[in-house]
Each structure stands twice: as C-alpha cells, then as structure tokens.
Amino acid sequence: MLEELKQQVLEANLALPRHGLVVFTWGNVSAVDREQGLVVIKPSGVSYEAMKRDDMVVVDLESGEVREGNMRPSSDTDTHRA
C-alpha cells in the first residue's frame, strides 16, 4: 500500500539529519494521500540511520488508526493529521 509515497517519506526523513534539521529522533516528515484518506509517517523512536521504507506507518487521516505498519507512528501524528 502506498509504496511510492512511503519511499518519498523515507527519503525526506533521511534528509533531515543530513541538513542538521533534527536532534536524535525528534522531527519527521509525513505525506498525505487525500484520495485514500491516508497519511504516511515515520515510526516513533526509530533512528534515521536504521529506517527503511517498510518501517513507514500508514495512518487513517480521519481516525488516526494505523492501517499498515508494525511500529508505532510518530508521536507527532495528530499534528500531521490536522
């Protein structure tokens, strides 16, 4: 589900530490597929160096329910859904 969007979110998140925009795991990028009503966001607490595309979490835009992924979504997910 949303493999291309997951890859884009992964690449954007990996760029954050390269540009000095985050400390530890604090900060993330998400992307929204409005047609499907879904958000792709990085998992909570996973180091940028260890992240892979399949670690990205797919969340329902309206309910916040995890639709796909084995990890907890970012603690900032509600902000990204707003």
PDB file of N, CA and C in Angstrom:
ATOM      1  N   MET A   1       0.839  -1.182   0.000  1.00  0.00           N
ATOM      2  CA  MET A   1       0.000   0.000   0.000  1.00  0.00           C
ATOM      3  C   MET A   1       0.888   1.252   0.000  1.00  0.00           C
ATOM      4  N   LEU A   2       0.704   2.129  -0.956  1.00  0.00           N
ATOM      5  CA  LEU A   2       1.388   3.422  -1.000  1.00  0.00           C
ATOM      6  C   LEU A   2       2.916   3.312  -1.016  1.00  0.00           C
ATOM      7  N   GLU A   3       3.448   2.340  -1.725  1.00  0.00           N
ATOM      8  CA  GLU A   3       4.897   2.095  -1.710  1.00  0.00           C
ATOM      9  C   GLU A   3       5.705   3.305  -2.186  1.00  0.00           C
ATOM     10  N   GLU A   4       5.243   3.966  -3.236  1.00  0.00           N
ATOM     11  CA  GLU A   4       5.974   5.135  -3.745  1.00  0.00           C
ATOM     12  C   GLU A   4       5.958   6.279  -2.723  1.00  0.00           C
ATOM     13  N   LEU A   5       4.816   6.498  -2.105  1.00  0.00           N
ATOM     14  CA  LEU A   5       4.716   7.553  -1.096  1.00  0.00           C
ATOM     15  C   LEU A   5       5.580   7.222   0.125  1.00  0.00           C
ATOM     16  N   LYS A   6       5.619   5.951   0.513  1.00  0.00           N
ATOM     17  CA  LYS A   6       6.490   5.530   1.621  1.00  0.00           C
ATOM     18  C   LYS A   6       7.950   5.829   1.298  1.00  0.00           C
ATOM     19  N   GLN A   7       8.362   5.560   0.061  1.00  0.00           N
ATOM     20  CA  GLN A   7       9.746   5.824  -0.338  1.00  0.00           C
ATOM     21  C   GLN A   7      10.048   7.318  -0.279  1.00  0.00           C
ATOM     22  N   GLN A   8       9.115   8.141  -0.728  1.00  0.00           N
ATOM     23  CA  GLN A   8       9.307   9.589  -0.681  1.00  0.00           C
ATOM     24  C   GLN A   8       9.414  10.088   0.759  1.00  0.00           C
ATOM     25  N   VAL A   9       8.576   9.544   1.633  1.00  0.00           N
ATOM     26  CA  VAL A   9       8.612   9.940   3.046  1.00  0.00           C
ATOM     27  C   VAL A   9       9.931   9.492   3.676  1.00  0.00           C
ATOM     28  N   LEU A  10      10.370   8.283   3.364  1.00  0.00           N
ATOM     29  CA  LEU A  10      11.656   7.805   3.873  1.00  0.00           C
ATOM     30  C   LEU A  10      12.780   8.734   3.432  1.00  0.00           C
ATOM     31  N   GLU A  11      12.858   9.041   2.151  1.00  0.00           N
ATOM     32  CA  GLU A  11      13.937   9.885   1.631  1.00  0.00           C
ATOM     33  C   GLU A  11      13.913  11.275   2.264  1.00  0.00           C
ATOM     34  N   ALA A  12      12.731  11.828   2.449  1.00  0.00           N
ATOM     35  CA  ALA A  12      12.628  13.148   3.080  1.00  0.00           C
ATOM     36  C   ALA A  12      13.090  13.092   4.531  1.00  0.00           C
ATOM     37  N   ASN A  13      12.716  12.033   5.243  1.00  0.00           N
ATOM     38  CA  ASN A  13      13.159  11.888   6.632  1.00  0.00           C
ATOM     39  C   ASN A  13      14.661  11.684   6.721  1.00  0.00           C
ATOM     40  N   LEU A  14      15.243  10.927   5.806  1.00  0.00           N
ATOM     41  CA  LEU A  14      16.688  10.706   5.817  1.00  0.00           C
ATOM     42  C   LEU A  14      17.459  11.993   5.533  1.00  0.00           C
ATOM     43  N   ALA A  15      16.834  12.917   4.816  1.00  0.00           N
ATOM     44  CA  ALA A  15      17.486  14.192   4.510  1.00  0.00           C
ATOM     45  C   ALA A  15      17.547  15.114   5.733  1.00  0.00           C
ATOM     46  N   LEU A  16      16.645  14.944   6.685  1.00  0.00           N
ATOM     47  CA  LEU A  16      16.600  15.842   7.848  1.00  0.00           C
ATOM     48  C   LEU A  16      17.923  15.899   8.608  1.00  0.00           C
ATOM     49  N   PRO A  17      18.493  14.769   9.045  1.00  0.00           N
ATOM     50  CA  PRO A  17      19.760  14.856   9.787  1.00  0.00           C
ATOM     51  C   PRO A  17      20.932  15.313   8.918  1.00  0.00           C
ATOM     52  N   ARG A  18      20.891  15.004   7.631  1.00  0.00           N
ATOM     53  CA  ARG A  18      21.976  15.446   6.732  1.00  0.00           C
ATOM     54  C   ARG A  18      22.057  16.966   6.665  1.00  0.00           C
ATOM     55  N   HIS A  19      20.918  17.604   6.857  1.00  0.00           N
ATOM     56  CA  HIS A  19      20.857  19.065   6.783  1.00  0.00           C
ATOM     57  C   HIS A  19      20.792  19.718   8.161  1.00  0.00           C
ATOM     58  N   GLY A  20      21.020  18.921   9.206  1.00  0.00           N
ATOM     59  CA  GLY A  20      21.038  19.457  10.567  1.00  0.00           C
ATOM     60  C   GLY A  20      19.694  19.948  11.070  1.00  0.00           C
ATOM     61  N   LEU A  21      18.615  19.352  10.583  1.00  0.00           N
ATOM     62  CA  LEU A  21      17.278  19.831  10.935  1.00  0.00           C
ATOM     63  C   LEU A  21      16.629  19.080  12.092  1.00  0.00           C
ATOM     64  N   VAL A  22      17.288  18.037  12.606  1.00  0.00           N
ATOM     65  CA  VAL A  22      16.716  17.265  13.714  1.00  0.00           C
ATOM     66  C   VAL A  22      17.792  16.923  14.732  1.00  0.00           C
ATOM     67  N   VAL A  23      17.337  16.614  15.951  1.00  0.00           N
ATOM     68  CA  VAL A  23      18.208  16.135  17.019  1.00  0.00           C
ATOM     69  C   VAL A  23      17.673  14.771  17.442  1.00  0.00           C
ATOM     70  N   PHE A  24      18.551  13.787  17.563  1.00  0.00           N
ATOM     71  CA  PHE A  24      18.157  12.418  17.915  1.00  0.00           C
ATOM     72  C   PHE A  24      17.085  11.941  16.938  1.00  0.00           C
ATOM     73  N   THR A  25      15.904  11.559  17.427  1.00  0.00           N
ATOM     74  CA  THR A  25      14.810  11.136  16.535  1.00  0.00           C
ATOM     75  C   THR A  25      13.669  12.147  16.555  1.00  0.00           C
ATOM     76  N   TRP A  26      13.948  13.369  17.007  1.00  0.00           N
ATOM     77  CA  TRP A  26      12.912  14.385  17.171  1.00  0.00           C
ATOM     78  C   TRP A  26      12.697  15.156  15.878  1.00  0.00           C
ATOM     79  N   GLY A  27      11.648  14.862  15.202  1.00  0.00           N
ATOM     80  CA  GLY A  27      11.304  15.562  13.974  1.00  0.00           C
ATOM     81  C   GLY A  27      11.024  14.565  12.876  1.00  0.00           C
ATOM     82  N   ASN A  28      10.099  14.900  12.013  1.00  0.00           N
ATOM     83  CA  ASN A  28       9.769  13.976  10.942  1.00  0.00           C
ATOM     84  C   ASN A  28       8.998  14.654   9.837  1.00  0.00           C
ATOM     85  N   VAL A  29       8.919  13.927   8.741  1.00  0.00           N
ATOM     86  CA  VAL A  29       8.183  14.355   7.561  1.00  0.00           C
ATOM     87  C   VAL A  29       7.088  13.325   7.327  1.00  0.00           C
ATOM     88  N   SER A  30       5.942  13.786   6.886  1.00  0.00           N
ATOM     89  CA  SER A  30       4.863  12.879   6.506  1.00  0.00           C
ATOM     90  C   SER A  30       4.352  13.299   5.134  1.00  0.00           C
ATOM     91  N   ALA A  31       3.508  12.457   4.556  1.00  0.00           N
ATOM     92  CA  ALA A  31       2.850  12.792   3.295  1.00  0.00           C
ATOM     93  C   ALA A  31       1.418  12.279   3.370  1.00  0.00           C
ATOM     94  N   VAL A  32       0.522  12.987   2.707  1.00  0.00           N
ATOM     95  CA  VAL A  32      -0.902  12.659   2.749  1.00  0.00           C
ATOM     96  C   VAL A  32      -1.377  12.242   1.369  1.00  0.00           C
ATOM     97  N   ASP A  33      -2.131  11.151   1.319  1.00  0.00           N
ATOM     98  CA  ASP A  33      -2.860  10.754   0.117  1.00  0.00           C
ATOM     99  C   ASP A  33      -4.321  11.078   0.402  1.00  0.00           C
ATOM    100  N   ARG A  34      -4.765  12.236  -0.049  1.00  0.00           N
ATOM    101  CA  ARG A  34      -6.120  12.701   0.274  1.00  0.00           C
ATOM    102  C   ARG A  34      -7.196  11.844  -0.393  1.00  0.00           C
ATOM    103  N   GLU A  35      -6.903  11.305  -1.569  1.00  0.00           N
ATOM    104  CA  GLU A  35      -7.889  10.458  -2.248  1.00  0.00           C
ATOM    105  C   GLU A  35      -8.229   9.228  -1.418  1.00  0.00           C
ATOM    106  N   GLN A  36      -7.205   8.650  -0.780  1.00  0.00           N
ATOM    107  CA  GLN A  36      -7.430   7.459   0.040  1.00  0.00           C
ATOM    108  C   GLN A  36      -7.646   7.798   1.513  1.00  0.00           C
ATOM    109  N   GLY A  37      -7.417   9.057   1.872  1.00  0.00           N
ATOM    110  CA  GLY A  37      -7.592   9.476   3.253  1.00  0.00           C
ATOM    111  C   GLY A  37      -6.559   8.878   4.189  1.00  0.00           C
ATOM    112  N   LEU A  38      -5.300   8.808   3.713  1.00  0.00           N
ATOM    113  CA  LEU A  38      -4.234   8.175   4.482  1.00  0.00           C
ATOM    114  C   LEU A  38      -3.025   9.088   4.623  1.00  0.00           C
ATOM    115  N   VAL A  39      -2.299   8.904   5.721  1.00  0.00           N
ATOM    116  CA  VAL A  39      -1.055   9.622   5.984  1.00  0.00           C
ATOM    117  C   VAL A  39       0.051   8.588   6.119  1.00  0.00           C
ATOM    118  N   VAL A  40       1.200   8.852   5.503  1.00  0.00           N
ATOM    119  CA  VAL A  40       2.395   8.027   5.700  1.00  0.00           C
ATOM    120  C   VAL A  40       3.341   8.840   6.569  1.00  0.00           C
ATOM    121  N   ILE A  41       3.804   8.237   7.665  1.00  0.00           N
ATOM    122  CA  ILE A  41       4.659   8.946   8.610  1.00  0.00           C
ATOM    123  C   ILE A  41       5.717   7.997   9.155  1.00  0.00           C
ATOM    124  N   LYS A  42       6.826   8.554   9.630  1.00  0.00           N
ATOM    125  CA  LYS A  42       7.893   7.718  10.178  1.00  0.00           C
ATOM    126  C   LYS A  42       7.461   7.115  11.506  1.00  0.00           C
ATOM    127  N   PRO A  43       8.058   5.992  11.857  1.00  0.00           N
ATOM    128  CA  PRO A  43       7.736   5.372  13.142  1.00  0.00           C
ATOM    129  C   PRO A  43       8.358   6.143  14.298  1.00  0.00           C
ATOM    130  N   SER A  44       7.770   5.999  15.453  1.00  0.00           N
ATOM    131  CA  SER A  44       8.254   6.677  16.648  1.00  0.00           C
ATOM    132  C   SER A  44       9.534   6.037  17.166  1.00  0.00           C
ATOM    133  N   GLY A  45      10.509   6.879  17.494  1.00  0.00           N
ATOM    134  CA  GLY A  45      11.709   6.427  18.185  1.00  0.00           C
ATOM    135  C   GLY A  45      12.721   5.654  17.375  1.00  0.00           C
ATOM    136  N   VAL A  46      12.540   5.532  16.083  1.00  0.00           N
ATOM    137  CA  VAL A  46      13.484   4.789  15.242  1.00  0.00           C
ATOM    138  C   VAL A  46      14.544   5.755  14.728  1.00  0.00           C
ATOM    139  N   SER A  47      15.805   5.376  14.857  1.00  0.00           N
ATOM    140  CA  SER A  47      16.877   6.260  14.390  1.00  0.00           C
ATOM    141  C   SER A  47      16.810   6.400  12.870  1.00  0.00           C
ATOM    142  N   TYR A  48      17.210   7.549  12.397  1.00  0.00           N
ATOM    143  CA  TYR A  48      17.166   7.815  10.964  1.00  0.00           C
ATOM    144  C   TYR A  48      18.043   6.836  10.196  1.00  0.00           C
ATOM    145  N   GLU A  49      19.194   6.481  10.765  1.00  0.00           N
ATOM    146  CA  GLU A  49      20.127   5.580  10.089  1.00  0.00           C
ATOM    147  C   GLU A  49      19.542   4.183   9.906  1.00  0.00           C
ATOM    148  N   ALA A  50      18.646   3.785  10.794  1.00  0.00           N
ATOM    149  CA  ALA A  50      18.092   2.429  10.765  1.00  0.00           C
ATOM    150  C   ALA A  50      16.801   2.322   9.955  1.00  0.00           C
ATOM    151  N   MET A  51      16.183   3.449   9.608  1.00  0.00           N
ATOM    152  CA  MET A  51      14.879   3.423   8.943  1.00  0.00           C
ATOM    153  C   MET A  51      14.943   2.845   7.544  1.00  0.00           C
ATOM    154  N   LYS A  52      13.878   2.102   7.217  1.00  0.00           N
ATOM    155  CA  LYS A  52      13.700   1.549   5.876  1.00  0.00           C
ATOM    156  C   LYS A  52      12.286   1.888   5.407  1.00  0.00           C
ATOM    157  N   ARG A  53      12.070   1.766   4.114  1.00  0.00           N
ATOM    158  CA  ARG A  53      10.758   2.107   3.553  1.00  0.00           C
ATOM    159  C   ARG A  53       9.631   1.349   4.253  1.00  0.00           C
ATOM    160  N   ASP A  54       9.848   0.076   4.514  1.00  0.00           N
ATOM    161  CA  ASP A  54       8.788  -0.728   5.113  1.00  0.00           C
ATOM    162  C   ASP A  54       8.525  -0.389   6.576  1.00  0.00           C
ATOM    163  N   ASP A  55       9.362   0.458   7.175  1.00  0.00           N
ATOM    164  CA  ASP A  55       9.119   0.917   8.543  1.00  0.00           C
ATOM    165  C   ASP A  55       8.087   2.039   8.593  1.00  0.00           C
ATOM    166  N   MET A  56       7.839   2.694   7.461  1.00  0.00           N
ATOM    167  CA  MET A  56       6.889   3.799   7.449  1.00  0.00           C
ATOM    168  C   MET A  56       5.509   3.283   7.860  1.00  0.00           C
ATOM    169  N   VAL A  57       4.777   4.112   8.578  1.00  0.00           N
ATOM    170  CA  VAL A  57       3.473   3.717   9.116  1.00  0.00           C
ATOM    171  C   VAL A  57       2.377   4.451   8.343  1.00  0.00           C
ATOM    172  N   VAL A  58       1.361   3.713   7.936  1.00  0.00           N
ATOM    173  CA  VAL A  58       0.218   4.289   7.227  1.00  0.00           C
ATOM    174  C   VAL A  58      -0.922   4.448   8.232  1.00  0.00           C
ATOM    175  N   VAL A  59      -1.422   5.681   8.328  1.00  0.00           N
ATOM    176  CA  VAL A  59      -2.432   6.032   9.327  1.00  0.00           C
ATOM    177  C   VAL A  59      -3.651   6.614   8.622  1.00  0.00           C
ATOM    178  N   ASP A  60      -4.826   6.282   9.116  1.00  0.00           N
ATOM    179  CA  ASP A  60      -6.064   6.854   8.601  1.00  0.00           C
ATOM    180  C   ASP A  60      -6.098   8.342   8.946  1.00  0.00           C
ATOM    181  N   LEU A  61      -6.290   9.177   7.949  1.00  0.00           N
ATOM    182  CA  LEU A  61      -6.258  10.628   8.134  1.00  0.00           C
ATOM    183  C   LEU A  61      -7.343  11.095   9.102  1.00  0.00           C
ATOM    184  N   GLU A  62      -8.510  10.500   9.035  1.00  0.00           N
ATOM    185  CA  GLU A  62      -9.626  10.948   9.876  1.00  0.00           C
ATOM    186  C   GLU A  62      -9.563  10.382  11.294  1.00  0.00           C
ATOM    187  N   SER A  63      -9.377   9.078  11.417  1.00  0.00           N
ATOM    188  CA  SER A  63      -9.468   8.431  12.735  1.00  0.00           C
ATOM    189  C   SER A  63      -8.142   8.326  13.475  1.00  0.00           C
ATOM    190  N   GLY A  64      -7.032   8.368  12.735  1.00  0.00           N
ATOM    191  CA  GLY A  64      -5.725   8.179  13.361  1.00  0.00           C
ATOM    192  C   GLY A  64      -5.352   6.723  13.557  1.00  0.00           C
ATOM    193  N   GLU A  65      -6.202   5.820  13.114  1.00  0.00           N
ATOM    194  CA  GLU A  65      -5.964   4.385  13.256  1.00  0.00           C
ATOM    195  C   GLU A  65      -4.842   3.936  12.311  1.00  0.00           C
ATOM    196  N   VAL A  66      -3.958   3.086  12.814  1.00  0.00           N
ATOM    197  CA  VAL A  66      -2.888   2.539  11.977  1.00  0.00           C
ATOM    198  C   VAL A  66      -3.508   1.558  10.996  1.00  0.00           C
ATOM    199  N   ARG A  67      -3.275   1.778   9.707  1.00  0.00           N
ATOM    200  CA  ARG A  67      -3.795   0.914   8.655  1.00  0.00           C
ATOM    201  C   ARG A  67      -2.750  -0.082   8.182  1.00  0.00           C
ATOM    202  N   GLU A  68      -1.478   0.314   8.298  1.00  0.00           N
ATOM    203  CA  GLU A  68      -0.400  -0.569   7.854  1.00  0.00           C
ATOM    204  C   GLU A  68       0.868  -0.201   8.596  1.00  0.00           C
ATOM    205  N   GLY A  69       1.606  -1.213   8.999  1.00  0.00           N
ATOM    206  CA  GLY A  69       2.870  -0.995   9.678  1.00  0.00           C
ATOM    207  C   GLY A  69       2.915  -1.742  10.995  1.00  0.00           C
ATOM    208  N   ASN A  70       4.118  -2.139  11.377  1.00  0.00           N
ATOM    209  CA  ASN A  70       4.310  -2.914  12.597  1.00  0.00           C
ATOM    210  C   ASN A  70       4.841  -2.081  13.747  1.00  0.00           C
ATOM    211  N   MET A  71       5.045  -0.798  13.517  1.00  0.00           N
ATOM    212  CA  MET A  71       5.600   0.073  14.550  1.00  0.00           C
ATOM    213  C   MET A  71       4.587   1.150  14.912  1.00  0.00           C
ATOM    214  N   ARG A  72       4.846   1.808  16.037  1.00  0.00           N
ATOM    215  CA  ARG A  72       4.005   2.938  16.437  1.00  0.00           C
ATOM    216  C   ARG A  72       4.317   4.120  15.530  1.00  0.00           C
ATOM    217  N   PRO A  73       3.302   4.844  15.098  1.00  0.00           N
ATOM    218  CA  PRO A  73       3.573   6.052  14.319  1.00  0.00           C
ATOM    219  C   PRO A  73       4.183   7.125  15.212  1.00  0.00           C
ATOM    220  N   SER A  74       4.789   8.107  14.610  1.00  0.00           N
ATOM    221  CA  SER A  74       5.379   9.230  15.328  1.00  0.00           C
ATOM    222  C   SER A  74       4.414   9.790  16.364  1.00  0.00           C
ATOM    223  N   SER A  75       4.975  10.243  17.465  1.00  0.00           N
ATOM    224  CA  SER A  75       4.142  10.878  18.496  1.00  0.00           C
ATOM    225  C   SER A  75       3.540  12.190  17.993  1.00  0.00           C
ATOM    226  N   ASP A  76       4.027  12.697  16.876  1.00  0.00           N
ATOM    227  CA  ASP A  76       3.504  13.927  16.269  1.00  0.00           C
ATOM    228  C   ASP A  76       2.412  13.658  15.235  1.00  0.00           C
ATOM    229  N   THR A  77       1.940  12.430  15.142  1.00  0.00           N
ATOM    230  CA  THR A  77       0.983  12.062  14.100  1.00  0.00           C
ATOM    231  C   THR A  77      -0.263  12.935  14.119  1.00  0.00           C
ATOM    232  N   ASP A  78      -0.805  13.222  15.290  1.00  0.00           N
ATOM    233  CA  ASP A  78      -2.023  14.043  15.341  1.00  0.00           C
ATOM    234  C   ASP A  78      -1.795  15.425  14.744  1.00  0.00           C
ATOM    235  N   THR A  79      -0.621  15.982  14.947  1.00  0.00           N
ATOM    236  CA  THR A  79      -0.290  17.283  14.355  1.00  0.00           C
ATOM    237  C   THR A  79      -0.253  17.171  12.835  1.00  0.00           C
ATOM    238  N   HIS A  80       0.288  16.091  12.323  1.00  0.00           N
ATOM    239  CA  HIS A  80       0.373  15.885  10.875  1.00  0.00           C
ATOM    240  C   HIS A  80      -1.005  15.624  10.266  1.00  0.00           C
ATOM    241  N   ARG A  81      -1.932  15.103  11.053  1.00  0.00           N
ATOM    242  CA  ARG A  81      -3.289  14.836  10.570  1.00  0.00           C
ATOM    243  C   ARG A  81      -4.149  16.091  10.550  1.00  0.00           C
ATOM    244  N   ALA A  82      -3.766  17.109  11.308  1.00  0.00           N
ATOM    245  CA  ALA A  82      -4.586  18.320  11.448  1.00  0.00           C
ATOM    246  C   ALA A  82      -4.610  19.144  10.176  1.00  0.00           C
TER     247      ALA A  82
END
